[in-house]
Amino acid sequence: MEKKTRMLMKAITWQLIGFAVMSVINVLYMGDWRAGVGLSGMLTLIGLVSYYLHEQVWARIRWGRH
């Protein structure tokens, strides 16, 4: 079982990558860097919490482990 701190760091680093990609796309699409980065930040926070909770649930499921 992974430690919670490791799961959290994986979630944060993954969301930072997603934030960077979303920010570029949103800024190009919206034509406004504040709106684009703001939307990306909100979506990143939602994604981070969702991913962390998903990992917590799967850490308790024994199916598929050796």
N, C-alpha and C. Protein backbone atom coordinates (compact mmCIF):
# COMPACT_ATOMS: atom_id res chain seq x y z
N MET A 1 0.84 -1.18 0.00
CA MET A 1 0.00 0.00 0.00
C MET A 1 0.89 1.25 0.00
N GLU A 2 0.55 2.20 -0.85
CA GLU A 2 1.31 3.44 -0.92
C GLU A 2 1.00 4.32 0.29
N LYS A 3 1.98 5.10 0.69
CA LYS A 3 1.74 6.06 1.76
C LYS A 3 0.91 7.21 1.22
N LYS A 4 0.13 7.82 2.11
CA LYS A 4 -0.73 8.93 1.70
C LYS A 4 0.08 10.11 1.18
N THR A 5 1.26 10.35 1.74
CA THR A 5 2.07 11.47 1.26
C THR A 5 2.55 11.23 -0.16
N ARG A 6 2.88 9.98 -0.48
CA ARG A 6 3.30 9.65 -1.85
C ARG A 6 2.14 9.84 -2.81
N MET A 7 0.95 9.38 -2.43
CA MET A 7 -0.23 9.55 -3.27
C MET A 7 -0.51 11.03 -3.50
N LEU A 8 -0.37 11.81 -2.45
CA LEU A 8 -0.63 13.25 -2.56
C LEU A 8 0.38 13.91 -3.49
N MET A 9 1.66 13.56 -3.38
CA MET A 9 2.68 14.14 -4.25
C MET A 9 2.47 13.73 -5.71
N LYS A 10 2.06 12.50 -5.94
CA LYS A 10 1.75 12.06 -7.31
C LYS A 10 0.59 12.87 -7.87
N ALA A 11 -0.41 13.08 -7.05
CA ALA A 11 -1.58 13.85 -7.48
C ALA A 11 -1.19 15.30 -7.79
N ILE A 12 -0.37 15.89 -6.94
CA ILE A 12 0.03 17.29 -7.13
C ILE A 12 0.87 17.45 -8.40
N THR A 13 1.86 16.58 -8.58
CA THR A 13 2.71 16.72 -9.77
C THR A 13 1.92 16.48 -11.05
N TRP A 14 1.01 15.52 -11.03
CA TRP A 14 0.18 15.27 -12.21
C TRP A 14 -0.71 16.47 -12.52
N GLN A 15 -1.28 17.06 -11.48
CA GLN A 15 -2.15 18.21 -11.69
C GLN A 15 -1.37 19.44 -12.14
N LEU A 16 -0.13 19.59 -11.72
CA LEU A 16 0.69 20.70 -12.20
C LEU A 16 0.96 20.59 -13.70
N ILE A 17 1.19 19.37 -14.16
CA ILE A 17 1.37 19.16 -15.60
C ILE A 17 0.07 19.52 -16.32
N GLY A 18 -1.03 19.03 -15.81
CA GLY A 18 -2.33 19.34 -16.40
C GLY A 18 -2.64 20.82 -16.38
N PHE A 19 -2.28 21.49 -15.29
CA PHE A 19 -2.51 22.93 -15.16
C PHE A 19 -1.76 23.69 -16.25
N ALA A 20 -0.51 23.32 -16.48
CA ALA A 20 0.28 24.00 -17.51
C ALA A 20 -0.33 23.82 -18.89
N VAL A 21 -0.71 22.59 -19.21
CA VAL A 21 -1.31 22.31 -20.51
C VAL A 21 -2.65 23.04 -20.66
N MET A 22 -3.51 22.94 -19.64
CA MET A 22 -4.81 23.61 -19.69
C MET A 22 -4.67 25.11 -19.79
N SER A 23 -3.70 25.67 -19.09
CA SER A 23 -3.52 27.12 -19.12
C SER A 23 -3.19 27.61 -20.52
N VAL A 24 -2.28 26.93 -21.18
CA VAL A 24 -1.92 27.32 -22.55
C VAL A 24 -3.14 27.22 -23.46
N ILE A 25 -3.84 26.11 -23.39
CA ILE A 25 -5.03 25.93 -24.24
C ILE A 25 -6.10 26.97 -23.92
N ASN A 26 -6.38 27.18 -22.64
CA ASN A 26 -7.42 28.14 -22.25
C ASN A 26 -7.07 29.57 -22.63
N VAL A 27 -5.82 29.95 -22.45
CA VAL A 27 -5.40 31.31 -22.81
C VAL A 27 -5.52 31.50 -24.32
N LEU A 28 -5.08 30.53 -25.09
CA LEU A 28 -5.19 30.64 -26.55
C LEU A 28 -6.65 30.69 -26.99
N TYR A 29 -7.49 29.89 -26.38
CA TYR A 29 -8.90 29.82 -26.76
C TYR A 29 -9.66 31.07 -26.32
N MET A 30 -9.42 31.50 -25.08
CA MET A 30 -10.17 32.62 -24.53
C MET A 30 -9.60 33.98 -24.91
N GLY A 31 -8.32 34.01 -25.23
CA GLY A 31 -7.68 35.27 -25.58
C GLY A 31 -7.43 36.18 -24.39
N ASP A 32 -7.58 35.65 -23.20
CA ASP A 32 -7.39 36.44 -21.97
C ASP A 32 -6.65 35.56 -20.97
N TRP A 33 -5.43 35.95 -20.63
CA TRP A 33 -4.62 35.09 -19.77
C TRP A 33 -5.19 34.96 -18.37
N ARG A 34 -5.80 36.02 -17.83
CA ARG A 34 -6.36 35.92 -16.47
C ARG A 34 -7.52 34.94 -16.41
N ALA A 35 -8.41 35.04 -17.37
CA ALA A 35 -9.55 34.11 -17.41
C ALA A 35 -9.07 32.69 -17.67
N GLY A 36 -8.12 32.53 -18.58
CA GLY A 36 -7.61 31.20 -18.91
C GLY A 36 -6.91 30.53 -17.75
N VAL A 37 -6.05 31.28 -17.07
CA VAL A 37 -5.33 30.73 -15.92
C VAL A 37 -6.29 30.51 -14.75
N GLY A 38 -7.25 31.41 -14.57
CA GLY A 38 -8.23 31.25 -13.49
C GLY A 38 -9.06 29.99 -13.67
N LEU A 39 -9.54 29.77 -14.89
CA LEU A 39 -10.31 28.56 -15.17
C LEU A 39 -9.45 27.32 -14.97
N SER A 40 -8.22 27.38 -15.42
CA SER A 40 -7.31 26.24 -15.25
C SER A 40 -7.06 25.96 -13.78
N GLY A 41 -6.90 26.99 -12.98
CA GLY A 41 -6.68 26.81 -11.55
C GLY A 41 -7.86 26.14 -10.87
N MET A 42 -9.06 26.57 -11.22
CA MET A 42 -10.26 25.98 -10.63
C MET A 42 -10.38 24.51 -11.02
N LEU A 43 -10.17 24.22 -12.30
CA LEU A 43 -10.26 22.84 -12.76
C LEU A 43 -9.16 21.96 -12.17
N THR A 44 -7.98 22.53 -11.98
CA THR A 44 -6.87 21.79 -11.39
C THR A 44 -7.18 21.43 -9.94
N LEU A 45 -7.73 22.35 -9.19
CA LEU A 45 -8.08 22.07 -7.79
C LEU A 45 -9.13 20.97 -7.70
N ILE A 46 -10.15 21.05 -8.54
CA ILE A 46 -11.18 20.01 -8.56
C ILE A 46 -10.56 18.67 -8.95
N GLY A 47 -9.70 18.67 -9.96
CA GLY A 47 -9.05 17.44 -10.40
C GLY A 47 -8.14 16.86 -9.34
N LEU A 48 -7.42 17.71 -8.62
CA LEU A 48 -6.51 17.25 -7.57
C LEU A 48 -7.27 16.52 -6.47
N VAL A 49 -8.33 17.12 -6.00
CA VAL A 49 -9.13 16.51 -4.94
C VAL A 49 -9.75 15.20 -5.43
N SER A 50 -10.28 15.21 -6.64
CA SER A 50 -10.91 14.00 -7.20
C SER A 50 -9.89 12.87 -7.36
N TYR A 51 -8.71 13.20 -7.87
CA TYR A 51 -7.67 12.19 -8.07
C TYR A 51 -7.22 11.60 -6.74
N TYR A 52 -7.01 12.45 -5.75
CA TYR A 52 -6.55 11.98 -4.44
C TYR A 52 -7.59 11.04 -3.81
N LEU A 53 -8.85 11.42 -3.87
CA LEU A 53 -9.90 10.57 -3.32
C LEU A 53 -9.99 9.24 -4.08
N HIS A 54 -9.84 9.30 -5.39
CA HIS A 54 -9.84 8.09 -6.21
C HIS A 54 -8.71 7.16 -5.81
N GLU A 55 -7.52 7.70 -5.60
CA GLU A 55 -6.38 6.90 -5.17
C GLU A 55 -6.60 6.29 -3.79
N GLN A 56 -7.23 7.03 -2.90
CA GLN A 56 -7.51 6.52 -1.56
C GLN A 56 -8.45 5.31 -1.63
N VAL A 57 -9.46 5.41 -2.45
CA VAL A 57 -10.40 4.30 -2.60
C VAL A 57 -9.68 3.08 -3.17
N TRP A 58 -8.92 3.27 -4.24
CA TRP A 58 -8.24 2.14 -4.88
C TRP A 58 -7.15 1.54 -3.99
N ALA A 59 -6.59 2.31 -3.10
CA ALA A 59 -5.56 1.77 -2.19
C ALA A 59 -6.16 0.73 -1.24
N ARG A 60 -7.46 0.79 -1.03
CA ARG A 60 -8.13 -0.15 -0.12
C ARG A 60 -8.69 -1.38 -0.84
N ILE A 61 -8.64 -1.39 -2.15
CA ILE A 61 -9.18 -2.51 -2.92
C ILE A 61 -8.06 -3.50 -3.20
N ARG A 62 -8.28 -4.74 -2.83
CA ARG A 62 -7.25 -5.76 -2.97
C ARG A 62 -7.23 -6.39 -4.35
N TRP A 63 -8.28 -6.24 -5.11
CA TRP A 63 -8.42 -6.87 -6.42
C TRP A 63 -7.24 -6.50 -7.33
N GLY A 64 -6.65 -7.51 -7.96
CA GLY A 64 -5.59 -7.30 -8.92
C GLY A 64 -4.20 -7.16 -8.33
N ARG A 65 -4.08 -7.25 -7.04
CA ARG A 65 -2.75 -7.18 -6.40
C ARG A 65 -2.18 -8.58 -6.26
N HIS A 66 -0.89 -8.66 -6.23
CA HIS A 66 -0.23 -9.97 -6.08
C HIS A 66 -0.13 -10.33 -4.63
